[in-house]
C-alpha atoms as a PDB file:
ATOM      1  CA  GLY A   1       7.039 -12.595  13.896  1.00  0.00           C
ATOM      2  CA  GLY A   2       9.324 -10.987  11.365  1.00  0.00           C
ATOM      3  CA  TYR A   3       8.096  -7.453  12.013  1.00  0.00           C
ATOM      4  CA  THR A   4      11.328  -5.549  11.660  1.00  0.00           C
ATOM      5  CA  ILE A   5      11.614  -2.064  10.196  1.00  0.00           C
ATOM      6  CA  ASN A   6      13.348  -3.655   7.202  1.00  0.00           C
ATOM      7  CA  ASN A   7      10.481  -6.061   6.536  1.00  0.00           C
ATOM      8  CA  VAL A   8       7.836  -3.393   7.083  1.00  0.00           C
ATOM      9  CA  ALA A   9       9.584  -1.123   4.556  1.00  0.00           C
ATOM     10  CA  ARG A  10       9.542  -3.959   2.030  1.00  0.00           C
ATOM     11  CA  CYS A  11       5.891  -4.732   2.730  1.00  0.00           C
ATOM     12  CA  TRP A  12       4.726  -1.125   2.329  1.00  0.00           C
ATOM     13  CA  ALA A  13       6.787  -0.628  -0.812  1.00  0.00           C
ATOM     14  CA  TYR A  14       5.306  -3.732  -2.424  1.00  0.00           C
ATOM     15  CA  GLU A  15       1.746  -3.028  -1.260  1.00  0.00           C
ATOM     16  CA  THR A  16       1.977   0.519  -2.609  1.00  0.00           C
ATOM     17  CA  ALA A  17       3.119  -0.892  -5.956  1.00  0.00           C
ATOM     18  CA  VAL A  18       0.151  -3.276  -5.998  1.00  0.00           C
ATOM     19  CA  LEU A  19      -2.208  -0.408  -5.134  1.00  0.00           C
ATOM     20  CA  VAL A  20      -1.028   1.656  -8.104  1.00  0.00           C
ATOM     21  CA  ASP A  21      -0.951  -1.363 -10.483  1.00  0.00           C
ATOM     22  CA  LYS A  22       2.860  -1.495 -10.692  1.00  0.00           C
ATOM     23  CA  GLU A  23       3.486  -5.015  -9.369  1.00  0.00           C
ATOM     24  CA  ASP A  24       6.273  -5.552 -11.910  1.00  0.00           C
ATOM     25  CA  ILE A  25       8.699  -3.223 -10.093  1.00  0.00           C
ATOM     26  CA  ALA A  26      12.359  -4.159  -9.904  1.00  0.00           C
ATOM     27  CA  ASN A  27      13.551  -6.292  -7.016  1.00  0.00           C
ATOM     28  CA  GLU A  28      16.728  -4.220  -6.596  1.00  0.00           C
ATOM     29  CA  VAL A  29      16.248  -1.061  -4.523  1.00  0.00           C
ATOM     30  CA  PRO A  30      17.979   1.938  -6.147  1.00  0.00           C
ATOM     31  CA  VAL A  31      20.920   3.395  -4.214  1.00  0.00           C
ATOM     32  CA  GLU A  32      19.336   6.834  -4.669  1.00  0.00           C
ATOM     33  CA  ASP A  33      16.327   5.762  -2.602  1.00  0.00           C
ATOM     34  CA  ALA A  34      16.153   7.825   0.602  1.00  0.00           C
ATOM     35  CA  TYR A  35      15.397   4.672   2.593  1.00  0.00           C
ATOM     36  CA  HIS A  36      17.962   2.437   0.922  1.00  0.00           C
ATOM     37  CA  GLU A  37      19.509   1.402   4.254  1.00  0.00           C
ATOM     38  CA  TYR A  38      16.210  -0.162   5.369  1.00  0.00           C
ATOM     39  CA  TYR A  39      16.586  -2.816   2.678  1.00  0.00           C
ATOM     40  CA  ALA A  40      19.897  -4.160   4.005  1.00  0.00           C
ATOM     41  CA  PRO A  41      21.646  -6.559   3.858  1.00  0.00           C
ATOM     42  CA  ASN A  42      20.846  -7.476   0.221  1.00  0.00           C
ATOM     43  CA  TYR A  43      19.008  -4.244  -0.790  1.00  0.00           C
ATOM     44  CA  ASN A  44      16.245  -6.188  -2.541  1.00  0.00           C
ATOM     45  CA  LEU A  45      12.531  -5.616  -2.270  1.00  0.00           C
ATOM     46  CA  HIS A  46      11.684  -9.297  -1.861  1.00  0.00           C
ATOM     47  CA  LEU A  47      13.164 -11.482   0.851  1.00  0.00           C
ATOM     48  CA  THR A  48      14.665 -14.875   0.248  1.00  0.00           C
ATOM     49  CA  PRO A  49      13.307 -17.066   3.052  1.00  0.00           C
ATOM     50  CA  SER A  50      15.843 -18.931   5.105  1.00  0.00           C
ATOM     51  CA  ILE A  51      15.906 -22.668   4.397  1.00  0.00           C
ATOM     52  CA  SER A  52      16.034 -23.328   8.136  1.00  0.00           C
ATOM     53  CA  MET A  53      12.860 -21.306   8.734  1.00  0.00           C
ATOM     54  CA  THR A  54       9.798 -23.456   9.247  1.00  0.00           C
ATOM     55  CA  ASN A  55       6.172 -22.432   9.229  1.00  0.00           C
ATOM     56  CA  SER A  56       4.862 -23.338  12.689  1.00  0.00           C
ATOM     57  CA  ASN A  57       1.309 -22.235  11.918  1.00  0.00           C
ATOM     58  CA  THR A  58      -1.081 -25.161  11.668  1.00  0.00           C
ATOM     59  CA  LYS A  59      -4.168 -24.959   9.477  1.00  0.00           C
ATOM     60  CA  GLU A  60      -6.336 -25.227  12.585  1.00  0.00           C
ATOM     61  CA  TYR A  61      -4.490 -22.327  14.255  1.00  0.00           C
ATOM     62  CA  LEU A  62      -4.881 -20.098  11.187  1.00  0.00           C
ATOM     63  CA  LYS A  63      -8.554 -21.042  10.734  1.00  0.00           C
ATOM     64  CA  LYS A  64      -9.288 -20.262  14.402  1.00  0.00           C
ATOM     65  CA  TYR A  65      -7.779 -16.774  14.184  1.00  0.00           C
ATOM     66  CA  LYS A  66      -9.231 -16.041  10.766  1.00  0.00           C
ATOM     67  CA  THR A  67     -12.712 -16.837  12.110  1.00  0.00           C
ATOM     68  CA  GLN A  68     -12.110 -14.709  15.203  1.00  0.00           C
ATOM     69  CA  ILE A  69     -10.823 -11.750  13.172  1.00  0.00           C
ATOM     70  CA  LEU A  70     -13.746 -11.927  10.734  1.00  0.00           C
ATOM     71  CA  GLN A  71     -16.179 -11.977  13.663  1.00  0.00           C
ATOM     72  CA  HIS A  72     -14.536  -8.873  15.132  1.00  0.00           C
ATOM     73  CA  LEU A  73     -14.600  -7.109  11.751  1.00  0.00           C
ATOM     74  CA  SER A  74     -18.293  -7.930  11.249  1.00  0.00           C
ATOM     75  CA  GLN A  75     -19.081  -6.101  14.495  1.00  0.00           C
ATOM     76  CA  LEU A  76     -17.382  -2.857  13.447  1.00  0.00           C
ATOM     77  CA  GLN A  77     -19.594   0.003  12.424  1.00  0.00           C
ATOM     78  CA  GLY A  78     -18.741   1.303   8.967  1.00  0.00           C
ATOM     79  CA  SER A  79     -17.635   4.878   8.669  1.00  0.00           C
ATOM     80  CA  PRO A  80     -19.770   7.267   6.663  1.00  0.00           C
ATOM     81  CA  SER A  81     -18.490   7.830   3.178  1.00  0.00           C
ATOM     82  CA  VAL A  82     -19.082   9.851   0.075  1.00  0.00           C
ATOM     83  CA  GLN A  83     -19.670   8.048  -3.163  1.00  0.00           C
ATOM     84  CA  MET A  84     -16.826   8.565  -5.636  1.00  0.00           C
ATOM     85  CA  GLN A  85     -17.599   9.534  -9.202  1.00  0.00           C
ATOM     86  CA  GLU A  86     -15.717  10.925 -12.170  1.00  0.00           C
ATOM     87  CA  ILE A  87     -15.810  14.652 -12.735  1.00  0.00           C
ATOM     88  CA  PRO A  88     -16.906  15.469 -16.291  1.00  0.00           C
ATOM     89  CA  GLN A  89     -14.121  17.080 -18.326  1.00  0.00           C
ATOM     90  CA  GLU A  90     -16.432  19.961 -19.266  1.00  0.00           C
ATOM     91  CA  SER A  91     -16.691  21.098 -15.639  1.00  0.00           C
ATOM     92  CA  LEU A  92     -12.908  21.066 -15.282  1.00  0.00           C
ATOM     93  CA  LEU A  93     -12.634  23.259 -18.365  1.00  0.00           C
ATOM     94  CA  VAL A  94     -15.184  25.725 -16.936  1.00  0.00           C
ATOM     95  CA  ASP A  95     -13.187  25.876 -13.666  1.00  0.00           C
ATOM     96  CA  ARG A  96     -10.007  26.661 -15.613  1.00  0.00           C
ATOM     97  CA  ILE A  97     -11.684  29.414 -17.624  1.00  0.00           C
ATOM     98  CA  LEU A  98     -13.187  30.989 -14.491  1.00  0.00           C
ATOM     99  CA  SER A  99      -9.840  30.805 -12.670  1.00  0.00           C
ATOM    100  CA  LYS A 100      -8.062  32.399 -15.623  1.00  0.00           C
ATOM    101  CA  GLU A 101     -10.659  35.190 -15.805  1.00  0.00           C
ATOM    102  CA  ALA A 102     -10.364  35.829 -12.064  1.00  0.00           C
ATOM    103  CA  LEU A 103      -6.567  36.145 -12.366  1.00  0.00           C
ATOM    104  CA  GLU A 104      -6.903  38.550 -15.302  1.00  0.00           C
ATOM    105  CA  ASN A 105      -9.387  40.737 -13.381  1.00  0.00           C
ATOM    106  CA  ASP A 106      -7.137  41.086 -10.302  1.00  0.00           C
END
C-alpha cells in the first residue's frame, strides 16, 4: 500500500539523489520545482509516518515473499551488455581536433 503519485514522486526523487551520490539533499521541495504540487500537503521530500499506522507485515510473510521473488529473479535470463570502460583523454582530444578541422574545411 501507499502507492500514491505523491509517494512515488518522493521515492523517485530520493532514489535519483542516491544514484548520483547526493543523499544529503534538502527535505523541503523548492516552490520553483515543476512538480511541487505532488509533494503536498507538507511539500517535504520525506514523509512523517502516522503514529496510528502499524506495520502489519510479519517476518514470516516478508521472508516468504523475499524467497519467492529471489527465486523468480534467479530464473530470469540476463540481457546482453557491453562492458563499460573509461575513454582515455587523449582520444577525446583527437576527436575534438578532427571535428574542428572538419568544420574549418567545410
